[in-house]
Amino acid sequence: MSEDEKQSATPAAKKDGGAELFRLRRTTARKRAMQFLYGLDVGREWACSDGQLFDFKEMLGNLEEDTETLDGTSRQKSQDYMETLISGVVREIAQLDALITMAAMNWRLERMGPVDRCILRVATYEMLFVPKVSAATAINEAVELAKLFGQRESPRFINGVLDRIRRHIEQQAAAETTTPETAASDSAETPAAEPAEEPAAETPEAAVPEEGTVR
């Protein structure tokens, strides 16, 4: 057995290969979900029947891109997650659109490109309703989709909107865990901090993604 073969047979290599396969399944699921939702967006009909999903999955089963990169089991798992994203976005469309509209600032939802809208909906759904997907992963994957399918300014715009949504979600979660009662209890039990001998160095603020062009 060659050194390369020995390396590929180690547990670490198998683990890395499994992680890459998992990432590929999820990336494919997000891409296909965005494409399906694009059709709903263009048709202005936010309802998803079992027949529509069945026909879409049948069509995906014949795509060379999917058959070359994923085996049968992986394709099924990818399609299962795709279906989770589609049904979730359709179910929560009002909440997702309200949050996107809030975070888009100078952009009206109807003025965005349908591709950008669908990418934002998928990523926002993941940040809100899929605990195992980190906000960073959802945003990074959305930006990559924007590079593939969006316009030139889409990646920067989507990154900025989703980062504001991430901060909003984190602030809401912090507010829910800090009630007036617990805040009063904490302040009563925690002794006042002694003044520092030297002034602390200021921490630079985190960089804020650039805004999209006003449309």
Protein backbone atom coordinates (compact mmCIF):
# COMPACT_ATOMS: atom_id res chain seq x y z
CA MET A 1 0.00 0.00 0.00
CA SER A 2 1.37 3.39 -0.97
CA GLU A 3 1.71 6.29 1.47
CA ASP A 4 -1.24 8.05 -0.19
CA GLU A 5 -3.41 4.97 0.23
CA LYS A 6 -2.36 4.61 3.87
CA GLN A 7 -3.22 8.26 4.49
CA SER A 8 -6.65 7.91 2.87
CA ALA A 9 -7.38 4.90 5.07
CA THR A 10 -6.74 6.69 8.37
CA PRO A 11 -9.70 7.67 10.61
CA ALA A 12 -8.78 11.35 10.22
CA ALA A 13 -8.93 11.14 6.43
CA LYS A 14 -12.25 9.31 6.56
CA LYS A 15 -13.61 11.93 8.93
CA ASP A 16 -12.48 14.75 6.64
CA GLY A 17 -14.05 12.99 3.66
CA GLY A 18 -17.30 12.57 5.58
CA ALA A 19 -17.34 16.26 6.51
CA GLU A 20 -16.76 17.26 2.90
CA LEU A 21 -19.56 14.97 1.71
CA PHE A 22 -21.91 16.43 4.34
CA ARG A 23 -21.01 19.96 3.21
CA LEU A 24 -21.57 19.04 -0.42
CA ARG A 25 -25.00 17.56 0.36
CA ARG A 26 -26.07 20.67 2.24
CA THR A 27 -24.69 23.05 -0.38
CA THR A 28 -26.54 21.17 -3.12
CA ALA A 29 -29.73 21.21 -1.03
CA ARG A 30 -29.54 24.99 -0.58
CA LYS A 31 -28.93 25.54 -4.28
CA ARG A 32 -31.87 23.35 -5.32
CA ALA A 33 -34.15 24.88 -2.69
CA MET A 34 -33.31 28.36 -3.97
CA GLN A 35 -34.10 27.27 -7.53
CA PHE A 36 -37.46 25.80 -6.54
CA LEU A 37 -38.38 28.87 -4.48
CA TYR A 38 -37.40 31.07 -7.41
CA GLY A 39 -40.18 29.42 -9.40
CA LEU A 40 -42.69 30.10 -6.61
CA ASP A 41 -41.50 33.70 -6.32
CA VAL A 42 -41.83 34.37 -10.04
CA GLY A 43 -45.25 32.71 -10.08
CA ARG A 44 -46.29 34.66 -6.95
CA GLU A 45 -47.87 31.53 -5.49
CA TRP A 46 -46.51 30.59 -2.08
CA ALA A 47 -47.92 27.09 -1.87
CA CYS A 48 -45.97 23.90 -2.33
CA SER A 49 -47.84 20.71 -3.20
CA ASP A 50 -46.50 17.18 -2.87
CA GLY A 51 -46.89 16.84 -6.64
CA GLN A 52 -44.69 19.87 -7.30
CA LEU A 53 -41.96 18.53 -5.04
CA PHE A 54 -42.19 15.06 -6.56
CA ASP A 55 -41.85 16.42 -10.10
CA PHE A 56 -38.93 18.63 -9.06
CA LYS A 57 -37.08 15.76 -7.38
CA GLU A 58 -37.67 13.55 -10.42
CA MET A 59 -36.10 16.23 -12.57
CA LEU A 60 -33.14 16.54 -10.18
CA GLY A 61 -32.57 12.79 -10.31
CA ASN A 62 -31.68 13.10 -13.98
CA LEU A 63 -29.21 15.98 -13.63
CA GLU A 64 -25.68 14.95 -14.51
CA GLU A 65 -24.26 17.44 -12.02
CA ASP A 66 -25.95 15.71 -9.08
CA THR A 67 -25.41 12.14 -10.27
CA GLU A 68 -21.70 12.78 -10.80
CA THR A 69 -21.04 14.35 -7.38
CA LEU A 70 -23.41 12.46 -5.06
CA ASP A 71 -24.22 8.77 -4.79
CA GLY A 72 -27.77 7.54 -4.32
CA THR A 73 -27.81 7.78 -0.53
CA SER A 74 -26.23 11.22 -0.48
CA ARG A 75 -28.64 12.50 -3.13
CA GLN A 76 -31.57 11.33 -1.03
CA LYS A 77 -30.23 13.05 2.09
CA SER A 78 -29.58 16.21 0.10
CA GLN A 79 -33.11 16.17 -1.28
CA ASP A 80 -34.53 15.58 2.20
CA TYR A 81 -32.81 18.74 3.46
CA MET A 82 -33.85 20.61 0.33
CA GLU A 83 -37.45 19.67 1.08
CA THR A 84 -37.02 20.85 4.68
CA LEU A 85 -35.82 24.24 3.45
CA ILE A 86 -38.56 24.59 0.85
CA SER A 87 -41.43 23.66 3.14
CA GLY A 88 -39.97 25.78 5.95
CA VAL A 89 -39.60 28.90 3.80
CA VAL A 90 -43.11 28.49 2.40
CA ARG A 91 -44.54 28.04 5.90
CA GLU A 92 -42.66 30.99 7.44
CA ILE A 93 -42.61 33.30 4.40
CA ALA A 94 -44.35 36.21 6.16
CA GLN A 95 -41.91 36.24 9.09
CA LEU A 96 -38.88 35.81 6.84
CA ASP A 97 -39.90 38.62 4.51
CA ALA A 98 -40.62 40.96 7.42
CA LEU A 99 -37.17 40.33 8.88
CA ILE A 100 -35.45 40.74 5.50
CA THR A 101 -37.33 43.99 4.88
CA MET A 102 -36.23 45.31 8.28
CA ALA A 103 -32.59 44.42 7.66
CA ALA A 104 -32.47 45.57 4.02
CA MET A 105 -32.86 49.20 5.11
CA ASN A 106 -32.95 51.25 1.88
CA TRP A 107 -34.03 48.28 -0.24
CA ARG A 108 -37.69 47.36 -0.72
CA LEU A 109 -38.32 43.65 -0.97
CA GLU A 110 -40.13 43.92 -4.28
CA ARG A 111 -37.21 45.87 -5.77
CA MET A 112 -34.70 43.10 -5.06
CA GLY A 113 -33.94 40.54 -7.72
CA PRO A 114 -35.89 37.28 -7.23
CA VAL A 115 -32.65 35.33 -6.92
CA ASP A 116 -31.45 37.59 -4.10
CA ARG A 117 -34.83 37.32 -2.35
CA CYS A 118 -34.77 33.53 -2.48
CA ILE A 119 -31.19 33.26 -1.25
CA LEU A 120 -32.00 35.60 1.65
CA ARG A 121 -35.08 33.59 2.56
CA VAL A 122 -33.22 30.28 2.66
CA ALA A 123 -30.37 31.67 4.80
CA THR A 124 -32.73 33.55 7.14
CA TYR A 125 -34.80 30.40 7.63
CA GLU A 126 -31.68 28.45 8.55
CA MET A 127 -30.58 31.09 11.06
CA LEU A 128 -34.02 31.16 12.69
CA PHE A 129 -35.16 27.56 12.56
CA VAL A 130 -32.20 25.19 12.04
CA PRO A 131 -30.20 25.20 15.29
CA LYS A 132 -27.45 22.92 13.95
CA VAL A 133 -26.56 25.44 11.23
CA SER A 134 -24.49 28.33 12.56
CA ALA A 135 -25.21 31.87 11.41
CA ALA A 136 -21.71 32.05 9.91
CA THR A 137 -22.34 28.94 7.82
CA ALA A 138 -25.74 30.17 6.62
CA ILE A 139 -24.26 33.54 5.61
CA ASN A 140 -21.19 32.08 3.91
CA GLU A 141 -23.29 29.62 1.92
CA ALA A 142 -25.68 32.39 0.88
CA VAL A 143 -22.81 34.55 -0.33
CA GLU A 144 -21.47 31.65 -2.40
CA LEU A 145 -24.90 31.15 -3.97
CA ALA A 146 -25.03 34.87 -4.73
CA LYS A 147 -21.69 34.60 -6.53
CA LEU A 148 -23.05 31.78 -8.69
CA PHE A 149 -26.53 33.07 -9.46
CA GLY A 150 -26.80 36.72 -8.46
CA GLN A 151 -25.68 39.98 -9.98
CA ARG A 152 -22.28 41.58 -9.45
CA GLU A 153 -23.32 43.44 -6.28
CA SER A 154 -25.39 40.55 -4.89
CA PRO A 155 -22.73 38.91 -2.66
CA ARG A 156 -21.91 42.15 -0.81
CA PHE A 157 -25.57 43.10 -0.49
CA ILE A 158 -26.64 39.68 0.79
CA ASN A 159 -23.74 39.57 3.25
CA GLY A 160 -24.76 42.93 4.69
CA VAL A 161 -28.46 42.09 5.04
CA LEU A 162 -27.81 38.70 6.62
CA ASP A 163 -25.26 40.13 9.05
CA ARG A 164 -27.87 42.61 10.30
CA ILE A 165 -30.37 39.76 10.64
CA ARG A 166 -27.79 37.76 12.59
CA ARG A 167 -27.24 40.64 15.02
CA HIS A 168 -31.00 41.13 15.38
CA ILE A 169 -31.51 37.45 16.21
CA GLU A 170 -28.67 37.52 18.75
CA GLN A 171 -30.07 40.65 20.40
CA GLN A 172 -33.54 39.10 20.60
CA ALA A 173 -32.13 35.94 22.16
CA ALA A 174 -30.17 37.97 24.72
CA ALA A 175 -33.25 40.02 25.59
CA GLU A 176 -35.33 36.88 26.13
CA THR A 177 -32.78 35.38 28.51
CA THR A 178 -32.42 38.62 30.53
CA THR A 179 -35.74 39.42 32.22
CA PRO A 180 -36.19 42.42 34.57
CA GLU A 181 -36.25 40.03 37.54
CA THR A 182 -32.99 38.32 36.65
CA ALA A 183 -31.34 41.64 35.82
CA ALA A 184 -32.31 43.04 39.24
CA SER A 185 -31.13 39.87 40.97
CA ASP A 186 -27.80 39.94 39.17
CA SER A 187 -27.19 43.58 40.03
CA ALA A 188 -28.00 42.94 43.70
CA GLU A 189 -25.69 39.93 43.98
CA THR A 190 -22.77 41.18 41.92
CA PRO A 191 -20.42 43.56 43.79
CA ALA A 192 -19.42 46.74 42.03
CA ALA A 193 -16.18 46.42 40.10
CA GLU A 194 -13.18 48.26 41.50
CA PRO A 195 -11.83 51.04 39.30
CA ALA A 196 -8.99 49.93 37.07
CA GLU A 197 -5.55 51.20 37.89
CA GLU A 198 -5.02 52.15 34.25
CA PRO A 199 -7.62 52.98 31.60
CA ALA A 200 -8.48 49.93 29.51
CA ALA A 201 -7.59 50.04 25.84
CA GLU A 202 -10.55 50.64 23.63
CA THR A 203 -11.72 47.66 21.59
CA PRO A 204 -12.25 48.54 17.92
CA GLU A 205 -15.77 48.02 16.67
CA ALA A 206 -16.39 45.05 14.42
CA ALA A 207 -16.37 45.85 10.76
CA VAL A 208 -19.86 46.30 9.35
CA PRO A 209 -20.51 44.96 5.85
CA GLU A 210 -21.04 47.64 3.25
CA GLU A 211 -24.56 48.60 2.33
CA GLY A 212 -26.05 47.62 -1.03
CA THR A 213 -26.78 50.26 -3.63
CA VAL A 214 -30.12 51.92 -3.02
CA ARG A 215 -32.67 50.82 -5.56
